[in-house]
Amino acid sequence: MTSTDTVSGDVGPAAYAAWRSSTLGAITEALEHRLIFELAGDLAGRSVLDVGCGDGTLALAAWRRGARVTGVDPDRRMFGIARERADAIGAPVTFVEGYGERLTFADESFDLVLAVTVLCFVPDAAEVVREMARVLRPRGRLVIGELGKWNSWAAYRRLRGWFGSPTWRAARFRSAAELRALVEQAGLEVREVRSAIYYPPIALLARLMAPLDAAFGRLTTFGAAFIAVAAVPRGQQS
């Protein structure tokens, strides 16, 4: 998946398109992508793996920044649309069907591994992080972005789960400390933890508060709907 997806919990190509065409979705995804790419650093010439690439939005954004990109997703509908989108603009991005728990790539294959709103929807998040660490090159970087645990979005989504949404009933939201622990257990060293989306899921408040979002992110991860962690192989000097 490539955004904080729809508040309602619907998933799939149509739901993503509707989310991005909304004011709330456009503002929210822009802030998430800004944070992810700030943590990722310069992408020019780097090999990038987007785990849970969905419809290819993040993968194509990485390609536009000069990366050589591979996207992997278990949903044929989603990566099929990702391929169509890449072909339409002549982007040489590779999209393959696969699961984060069983990445079909050799050890140390990528300079950068991205995973955005993936761990919250998989049964074994620890295994996914271990696999991402396995395919990361010695001087590479992992950047994950996840749905935060203590915020108004999470509260609303929990209510949706209690009232029947299968997506949000199965989802697991995590704190910054829990994400840090997952990454460190995979043998990586956390370099930075940052967050975004401090407004509730209301378009008017998103418009008003978005300019202040980065300032909030420098103060605390509490109340953030989106938490991102950047990590490197243990012992890396830079």
C-alpha atoms as a PDB file:
ATOM      1  CA  MET A   1       0.000   0.000   0.000  1.00  0.00           C
ATOM      2  CA  THR A   2       1.185   3.461  -0.716  1.00  0.00           C
ATOM      3  CA  SER A   3      -0.674   5.854   1.519  1.00  0.00           C
ATOM      4  CA  THR A   4      -2.574   6.050   4.764  1.00  0.00           C
ATOM      5  CA  ASP A   5      -5.260   4.706   2.418  1.00  0.00           C
ATOM      6  CA  THR A   6      -8.929   5.461   2.807  1.00  0.00           C
ATOM      7  CA  VAL A   7     -10.284   6.329   6.216  1.00  0.00           C
ATOM      8  CA  SER A   8     -13.264   4.098   5.542  1.00  0.00           C
ATOM      9  CA  GLY A   9     -11.043   1.059   5.198  1.00  0.00           C
ATOM     10  CA  ASP A  10     -11.877   0.182   1.588  1.00  0.00           C
ATOM     11  CA  VAL A  11      -8.926  -1.039  -0.436  1.00  0.00           C
ATOM     12  CA  GLY A  12      -8.380  -1.548  -4.131  1.00  0.00           C
ATOM     13  CA  PRO A  13      -7.707   0.587  -7.208  1.00  0.00           C
ATOM     14  CA  ALA A  14     -10.993   2.498  -7.160  1.00  0.00           C
ATOM     15  CA  ALA A  15     -10.682   3.317  -3.463  1.00  0.00           C
ATOM     16  CA  TYR A  16      -7.125   4.598  -3.902  1.00  0.00           C
ATOM     17  CA  ALA A  17      -8.125   6.766  -6.847  1.00  0.00           C
ATOM     18  CA  ALA A  18     -11.026   8.232  -4.889  1.00  0.00           C
ATOM     19  CA  TRP A  19      -8.781   8.862  -1.879  1.00  0.00           C
ATOM     20  CA  ARG A  20      -6.175  10.739  -3.900  1.00  0.00           C
ATOM     21  CA  SER A  21      -8.793  12.842  -5.672  1.00  0.00           C
ATOM     22  CA  SER A  22     -10.176  14.050  -2.342  1.00  0.00           C
ATOM     23  CA  THR A  23      -8.791  17.096  -0.546  1.00  0.00           C
ATOM     24  CA  LEU A  24      -8.026  15.094   2.585  1.00  0.00           C
ATOM     25  CA  GLY A  25      -6.321  12.324   0.633  1.00  0.00           C
ATOM     26  CA  ALA A  26      -4.219  14.632  -1.526  1.00  0.00           C
ATOM     27  CA  ILE A  27      -2.923  16.647   1.438  1.00  0.00           C
ATOM     28  CA  THR A  28      -2.266  13.562   3.548  1.00  0.00           C
ATOM     29  CA  GLU A  29      -0.435  11.575   0.894  1.00  0.00           C
ATOM     30  CA  ALA A  30       1.715  14.556  -0.063  1.00  0.00           C
ATOM     31  CA  LEU A  31       2.890  14.925   3.546  1.00  0.00           C
ATOM     32  CA  GLU A  32       3.577  11.199   3.845  1.00  0.00           C
ATOM     33  CA  HIS A  33       5.599  11.090   0.623  1.00  0.00           C
ATOM     34  CA  ARG A  34       7.557  14.176   1.605  1.00  0.00           C
ATOM     35  CA  LEU A  35       8.593  12.517   4.855  1.00  0.00           C
ATOM     36  CA  ILE A  36       9.466   9.182   3.230  1.00  0.00           C
ATOM     37  CA  PHE A  37      11.656  10.763   0.572  1.00  0.00           C
ATOM     38  CA  GLU A  38      13.362  13.089   3.037  1.00  0.00           C
ATOM     39  CA  LEU A  39      14.386  10.021   5.036  1.00  0.00           C
ATOM     40  CA  ALA A  40      15.366   8.115   1.881  1.00  0.00           C
ATOM     41  CA  GLY A  41      17.811  10.782   0.716  1.00  0.00           C
ATOM     42  CA  ASP A  42      19.182  11.179  -2.807  1.00  0.00           C
ATOM     43  CA  LEU A  43      17.774   8.443  -5.060  1.00  0.00           C
ATOM     44  CA  ALA A  44      19.662   9.172  -8.266  1.00  0.00           C
ATOM     45  CA  GLY A  45      21.091   5.935  -9.645  1.00  0.00           C
ATOM     46  CA  ARG A  46      20.087   3.869  -6.617  1.00  0.00           C
ATOM     47  CA  SER A  47      18.302   0.525  -6.787  1.00  0.00           C
ATOM     48  CA  VAL A  48      15.043   0.723  -4.841  1.00  0.00           C
ATOM     49  CA  LEU A  49      12.593  -1.957  -3.742  1.00  0.00           C
ATOM     50  CA  ASP A  50       9.055  -0.848  -2.877  1.00  0.00           C
ATOM     51  CA  VAL A  51       7.490  -3.597  -0.766  1.00  0.00           C
ATOM     52  CA  GLY A  52       3.691  -3.564  -0.925  1.00  0.00           C
ATOM     53  CA  CYS A  53       3.805  -1.196  -3.891  1.00  0.00           C
ATOM     54  CA  GLY A  54       0.045  -1.192  -4.469  1.00  0.00           C
ATOM     55  CA  ASP A  55      -0.861   0.792  -7.581  1.00  0.00           C
ATOM     56  CA  GLY A  56       2.711   2.022  -8.018  1.00  0.00           C
ATOM     57  CA  THR A  57       2.357   5.612  -6.816  1.00  0.00           C
ATOM     58  CA  LEU A  58       5.387   5.552  -4.502  1.00  0.00           C
ATOM     59  CA  ALA A  59       7.455   3.476  -6.934  1.00  0.00           C
ATOM     60  CA  LEU A  60       6.820   5.936  -9.753  1.00  0.00           C
ATOM     61  CA  ALA A  61       7.642   8.846  -7.459  1.00  0.00           C
ATOM     62  CA  ALA A  62      10.988   7.156  -6.681  1.00  0.00           C
ATOM     63  CA  TRP A  63      11.641   6.640 -10.409  1.00  0.00           C
ATOM     64  CA  ARG A  64      10.995  10.330 -11.059  1.00  0.00           C
ATOM     65  CA  ARG A  65      13.739  11.031  -8.527  1.00  0.00           C
ATOM     66  CA  GLY A  66      16.225   9.019 -10.579  1.00  0.00           C
ATOM     67  CA  ALA A  67      15.999   5.579  -8.944  1.00  0.00           C
ATOM     68  CA  ARG A  68      15.975   2.156 -10.576  1.00  0.00           C
ATOM     69  CA  VAL A  69      12.803   0.744  -9.031  1.00  0.00           C
ATOM     70  CA  THR A  70      11.236  -2.647  -8.423  1.00  0.00           C
ATOM     71  CA  GLY A  71       7.803  -2.925  -6.839  1.00  0.00           C
ATOM     72  CA  VAL A  72       6.373  -6.047  -5.261  1.00  0.00           C
ATOM     73  CA  ASP A  73       2.775  -6.667  -4.177  1.00  0.00           C
ATOM     74  CA  PRO A  74       0.617  -9.778  -3.609  1.00  0.00           C
ATOM     75  CA  ASP A  75      -2.496  -8.225  -5.190  1.00  0.00           C
ATOM     76  CA  ARG A  76      -2.602  -8.841  -8.948  1.00  0.00           C
ATOM     77  CA  ARG A  77      -5.142  -6.084  -9.484  1.00  0.00           C
ATOM     78  CA  MET A  78      -2.907  -3.545  -7.843  1.00  0.00           C
ATOM     79  CA  PHE A  79       0.419  -4.345  -9.473  1.00  0.00           C
ATOM     80  CA  GLY A  80      -1.395  -4.806 -12.801  1.00  0.00           C
ATOM     81  CA  ILE A  81      -2.542  -1.193 -12.562  1.00  0.00           C
ATOM     82  CA  ALA A  82       0.953  -0.204 -11.459  1.00  0.00           C
ATOM     83  CA  ARG A  83       2.354  -1.725 -14.638  1.00  0.00           C
ATOM     84  CA  GLU A  84      -0.237   0.076 -16.757  1.00  0.00           C
ATOM     85  CA  ARG A  85       0.621   3.392 -15.126  1.00  0.00           C
ATOM     86  CA  ALA A  86       4.346   2.855 -15.675  1.00  0.00           C
ATOM     87  CA  ASP A  87       3.845   1.838 -19.303  1.00  0.00           C
ATOM     88  CA  ALA A  88       1.672   4.890 -19.943  1.00  0.00           C
ATOM     89  CA  ILE A  89       4.545   7.246 -19.094  1.00  0.00           C
ATOM     90  CA  GLY A  90       7.396   5.047 -20.311  1.00  0.00           C
ATOM     91  CA  ALA A  91       8.780   4.415 -16.840  1.00  0.00           C
ATOM     92  CA  PRO A  92      11.104   1.352 -16.751  1.00  0.00           C
ATOM     93  CA  VAL A  93       9.837   0.226 -13.350  1.00  0.00           C
ATOM     94  CA  THR A  94       9.583  -3.517 -12.684  1.00  0.00           C
ATOM     95  CA  PHE A  95       6.467  -4.782 -10.906  1.00  0.00           C
ATOM     96  CA  VAL A  96       6.223  -8.350  -9.658  1.00  0.00           C
ATOM     97  CA  GLU A  97       3.753 -10.412  -7.683  1.00  0.00           C
ATOM     98  CA  GLY A  98       5.036 -11.461  -4.302  1.00  0.00           C
ATOM     99  CA  TYR A  99       4.822 -11.314  -0.528  1.00  0.00           C
ATOM    100  CA  GLY A 100       6.933  -9.316   1.874  1.00  0.00           C
ATOM    101  CA  GLU A 101       7.420 -12.398   4.028  1.00  0.00           C
ATOM    102  CA  ARG A 102       9.023 -14.261   1.092  1.00  0.00           C
ATOM    103  CA  LEU A 103      10.869 -11.800  -1.113  1.00  0.00           C
ATOM    104  CA  THR A 104      12.185 -13.514  -4.238  1.00  0.00           C
ATOM    105  CA  PHE A 105      15.394 -11.509  -4.425  1.00  0.00           C
ATOM    106  CA  ALA A 106      18.979 -12.407  -3.576  1.00  0.00           C
ATOM    107  CA  ASP A 107      20.651 -11.167  -0.413  1.00  0.00           C
ATOM    108  CA  GLU A 108      21.991  -7.601  -0.580  1.00  0.00           C
ATOM    109  CA  SER A 109      20.162  -6.697  -3.805  1.00  0.00           C
ATOM    110  CA  PHE A 110      18.970  -3.134  -3.111  1.00  0.00           C
ATOM    111  CA  ASP A 111      20.372   0.199  -1.987  1.00  0.00           C
ATOM    112  CA  LEU A 112      17.049   1.291  -0.537  1.00  0.00           C
ATOM    113  CA  VAL A 113      14.011  -0.654   0.622  1.00  0.00           C
ATOM    114  CA  LEU A 114      10.712   1.151   1.167  1.00  0.00           C
ATOM    115  CA  ALA A 115       7.544  -0.151   2.807  1.00  0.00           C
ATOM    116  CA  VAL A 116       4.637   2.198   3.448  1.00  0.00           C
ATOM    117  CA  THR A 117       1.524   1.093   5.378  1.00  0.00           C
ATOM    118  CA  VAL A 118       2.427  -2.561   4.907  1.00  0.00           C
ATOM    119  CA  LEU A 119       3.338  -3.909   8.352  1.00  0.00           C
ATOM    120  CA  CYS A 120      -0.042  -2.957   9.814  1.00  0.00           C
ATOM    121  CA  PHE A 121      -1.789  -5.378   7.461  1.00  0.00           C
ATOM    122  CA  VAL A 122       0.469  -8.462   7.520  1.00  0.00           C
ATOM    123  CA  PRO A 123       0.246 -11.339  10.036  1.00  0.00           C
ATOM    124  CA  ASP A 124       4.003 -11.506  10.667  1.00  0.00           C
ATOM    125  CA  ALA A 125       5.499  -8.024  10.533  1.00  0.00           C
ATOM    126  CA  ALA A 126       8.775  -9.212  12.061  1.00  0.00           C
ATOM    127  CA  GLU A 127       9.358 -11.623   9.183  1.00  0.00           C
ATOM    128  CA  VAL A 128       8.668  -8.898   6.615  1.00  0.00           C
ATOM    129  CA  VAL A 129      11.234  -6.618   8.254  1.00  0.00           C
ATOM    130  CA  ARG A 130      13.775  -9.462   8.391  1.00  0.00           C
ATOM    131  CA  GLU A 131      13.270 -10.089   4.681  1.00  0.00           C
ATOM    132  CA  MET A 132      13.686  -6.415   3.863  1.00  0.00           C
ATOM    133  CA  ALA A 133      16.884  -6.352   5.925  1.00  0.00           C
ATOM    134  CA  ARG A 134      18.130  -9.444   4.080  1.00  0.00           C
ATOM    135  CA  VAL A 135      17.857  -7.856   0.625  1.00  0.00           C
ATOM    136  CA  LEU A 136      19.424  -4.577   1.779  1.00  0.00           C
ATOM    137  CA  ARG A 137      23.000  -3.907   0.709  1.00  0.00           C
ATOM    138  CA  PRO A 138      25.654  -3.287   3.400  1.00  0.00           C
ATOM    139  CA  ARG A 139      25.585   0.480   2.882  1.00  0.00           C
ATOM    140  CA  GLY A 140      21.864   0.568   2.132  1.00  0.00           C
ATOM    141  CA  ARG A 141      18.900   2.071   3.930  1.00  0.00           C
ATOM    142  CA  LEU A 142      15.465   0.861   4.979  1.00  0.00           C
ATOM    143  CA  VAL A 143      12.606   3.346   5.288  1.00  0.00           C
ATOM    144  CA  ILE A 144       9.253   2.211   6.610  1.00  0.00           C
ATOM    145  CA  GLY A 145       6.160   4.328   7.106  1.00  0.00           C
ATOM    146  CA  GLU A 146       3.350   3.045   9.289  1.00  0.00           C
ATOM    147  CA  LEU A 147       0.025   3.989  10.814  1.00  0.00           C
ATOM    148  CA  GLY A 148       0.569   5.418  14.297  1.00  0.00           C
ATOM    149  CA  LYS A 149      -1.103   3.970  17.358  1.00  0.00           C
ATOM    150  CA  TRP A 150      -2.190   6.990  19.400  1.00  0.00           C
ATOM    151  CA  ASN A 151      -4.129   9.471  17.272  1.00  0.00           C
ATOM    152  CA  SER A 152      -7.628  10.340  16.101  1.00  0.00           C
ATOM    153  CA  TRP A 153      -7.275   8.413  12.829  1.00  0.00           C
ATOM    154  CA  ALA A 154      -6.433   5.197  14.673  1.00  0.00           C
ATOM    155  CA  ALA A 155      -9.371   5.720  17.051  1.00  0.00           C
ATOM    156  CA  TYR A 156     -11.750   6.155  14.120  1.00  0.00           C
ATOM    157  CA  ARG A 157     -10.361   3.103  12.350  1.00  0.00           C
ATOM    158  CA  ARG A 158     -10.688   0.979  15.476  1.00  0.00           C
ATOM    159  CA  LEU A 159     -14.351   1.982  15.630  1.00  0.00           C
ATOM    160  CA  ARG A 160     -14.739   0.980  11.995  1.00  0.00           C
ATOM    161  CA  GLY A 161     -13.242  -2.403  12.838  1.00  0.00           C
ATOM    162  CA  TRP A 162     -15.544  -2.914  15.795  1.00  0.00           C
ATOM    163  CA  PHE A 163     -18.523  -2.074  13.587  1.00  0.00           C
ATOM    164  CA  GLY A 164     -17.633  -4.566  10.868  1.00  0.00           C
ATOM    165  CA  SER A 165     -14.837  -3.312   8.606  1.00  0.00           C
ATOM    166  CA  PRO A 166     -12.627  -6.386   7.953  1.00  0.00           C
ATOM    167  CA  THR A 167      -9.715  -4.175   6.926  1.00  0.00           C
ATOM    168  CA  TRP A 168      -9.558  -2.259  10.187  1.00  0.00           C
ATOM    169  CA  ARG A 169     -10.522  -5.218  12.353  1.00  0.00           C
ATOM    170  CA  ALA A 170      -7.341  -6.948  11.193  1.00  0.00           C
ATOM    171  CA  ALA A 171      -5.074  -3.883  11.212  1.00  0.00           C
ATOM    172  CA  ARG A 172      -2.442  -3.321  13.876  1.00  0.00           C
ATOM    173  CA  PHE A 173      -1.303   0.201  14.671  1.00  0.00           C
ATOM    174  CA  ARG A 174       2.135   0.691  16.211  1.00  0.00           C
ATOM    175  CA  SER A 175       3.943   3.257  18.295  1.00  0.00           C
ATOM    176  CA  ALA A 176       7.374   4.614  17.394  1.00  0.00           C
ATOM    177  CA  ALA A 177       8.906   2.380  20.072  1.00  0.00           C
ATOM    178  CA  GLU A 178       7.255  -0.729  18.613  1.00  0.00           C
ATOM    179  CA  LEU A 179       8.472   0.107  15.113  1.00  0.00           C
ATOM    180  CA  ARG A 180      11.968   0.749  16.417  1.00  0.00           C
ATOM    181  CA  ALA A 181      11.944  -2.655  18.134  1.00  0.00           C
ATOM    182  CA  LEU A 182      10.877  -4.456  14.946  1.00  0.00           C
ATOM    183  CA  VAL A 183      13.703  -2.862  13.004  1.00  0.00           C
ATOM    184  CA  GLU A 184      16.346  -3.516  15.640  1.00  0.00           C
ATOM    185  CA  GLN A 185      15.265  -7.156  15.997  1.00  0.00           C
ATOM    186  CA  ALA A 186      16.008  -7.558  12.278  1.00  0.00           C
ATOM    187  CA  GLY A 187      19.622  -6.558  12.875  1.00  0.00           C
ATOM    188  CA  LEU A 188      19.351  -2.967  11.711  1.00  0.00           C
ATOM    189  CA  GLU A 189      20.316   0.278  13.414  1.00  0.00           C
ATOM    190  CA  VAL A 190      17.691   3.010  13.608  1.00  0.00           C
ATOM    191  CA  ARG A 191      19.025   6.335  12.382  1.00  0.00           C
ATOM    192  CA  GLU A 192      15.916   8.498  12.525  1.00  0.00           C
ATOM    193  CA  VAL A 193      12.273   8.368  13.607  1.00  0.00           C
ATOM    194  CA  ARG A 194       9.915  11.044  12.347  1.00  0.00           C
ATOM    195  CA  SER A 195       6.193  11.473  12.005  1.00  0.00           C
ATOM    196  CA  ALA A 196       3.445  13.343  10.194  1.00  0.00           C
ATOM    197  CA  ILE A 197      -0.314  13.879   9.976  1.00  0.00           C
ATOM    198  CA  TYR A 198      -1.263  15.561  13.239  1.00  0.00           C
ATOM    199  CA  TYR A 199      -4.703  16.695  12.134  1.00  0.00           C
ATOM    200  CA  PRO A 200      -7.867  14.587  12.440  1.00  0.00           C
ATOM    201  CA  PRO A 201      -9.393  13.029   9.287  1.00  0.00           C
ATOM    202  CA  ILE A 202     -11.273  16.197   8.366  1.00  0.00           C
ATOM    203  CA  ALA A 203     -10.447  18.044   5.130  1.00  0.00           C
ATOM    204  CA  LEU A 204     -10.903  21.551   6.530  1.00  0.00           C
ATOM    205  CA  LEU A 205      -8.547  20.870   9.434  1.00  0.00           C
ATOM    206  CA  ALA A 206      -6.068  19.231   7.066  1.00  0.00           C
ATOM    207  CA  ARG A 207      -5.929  22.437   5.023  1.00  0.00           C
ATOM    208  CA  LEU A 208      -5.450  24.553   8.121  1.00  0.00           C
ATOM    209  CA  MET A 209      -2.926  22.357   9.937  1.00  0.00           C
ATOM    210  CA  ALA A 210      -0.830  20.903   7.099  1.00  0.00           C
ATOM    211  CA  PRO A 211       1.588  23.887   7.047  1.00  0.00           C
ATOM    212  CA  LEU A 212       2.382  23.187  10.710  1.00  0.00           C
ATOM    213  CA  ASP A 213       2.774  19.437  10.307  1.00  0.00           C
ATOM    214  CA  ALA A 214       6.566  19.386  10.034  1.00  0.00           C
ATOM    215  CA  ALA A 215       6.880  21.514  13.175  1.00  0.00           C
ATOM    216  CA  PHE A 216       4.739  19.075  15.140  1.00  0.00           C
ATOM    217  CA  GLY A 217       6.847  16.235  13.769  1.00  0.00           C
ATOM    218  CA  ARG A 218       9.973  17.725  15.324  1.00  0.00           C
ATOM    219  CA  LEU A 219       8.343  17.740  18.762  1.00  0.00           C
ATOM    220  CA  THR A 220       6.748  14.311  19.240  1.00  0.00           C
ATOM    221  CA  THR A 221       5.407  11.206  17.542  1.00  0.00           C
ATOM    222  CA  PHE A 222       2.416  11.122  19.891  1.00  0.00           C
ATOM    223  CA  GLY A 223      -0.749  12.090  18.071  1.00  0.00           C
ATOM    224  CA  ALA A 224       0.761  11.431  14.642  1.00  0.00           C
ATOM    225  CA  ALA A 225      -1.228   9.263  12.256  1.00  0.00           C
ATOM    226  CA  PHE A 226       1.925   8.354  10.301  1.00  0.00           C
ATOM    227  CA  ILE A 227       5.294   7.324  11.732  1.00  0.00           C
ATOM    228  CA  ALA A 228       8.399   6.717   9.632  1.00  0.00           C
ATOM    229  CA  VAL A 229      11.634   4.975  10.599  1.00  0.00           C
ATOM    230  CA  ALA A 230      14.935   5.080   8.713  1.00  0.00           C
ATOM    231  CA  ALA A 231      17.491   2.362   9.465  1.00  0.00           C
ATOM    232  CA  VAL A 232      20.777   0.996   8.147  1.00  0.00           C
ATOM    233  CA  PRO A 233      22.722  -2.248   8.581  1.00  0.00           C
ATOM    234  CA  ARG A 234      24.277  -2.383  12.009  1.00  0.00           C
ATOM    235  CA  GLY A 235      27.765  -0.884  12.182  1.00  0.00           C
ATOM    236  CA  GLN A 236      27.368   1.292   9.083  1.00  0.00           C
ATOM    237  CA  GLN A 237      29.388   4.479   9.467  1.00  0.00           C
ATOM    238  CA  SER A 238      27.381   6.816   7.211  1.00  0.00           C
END
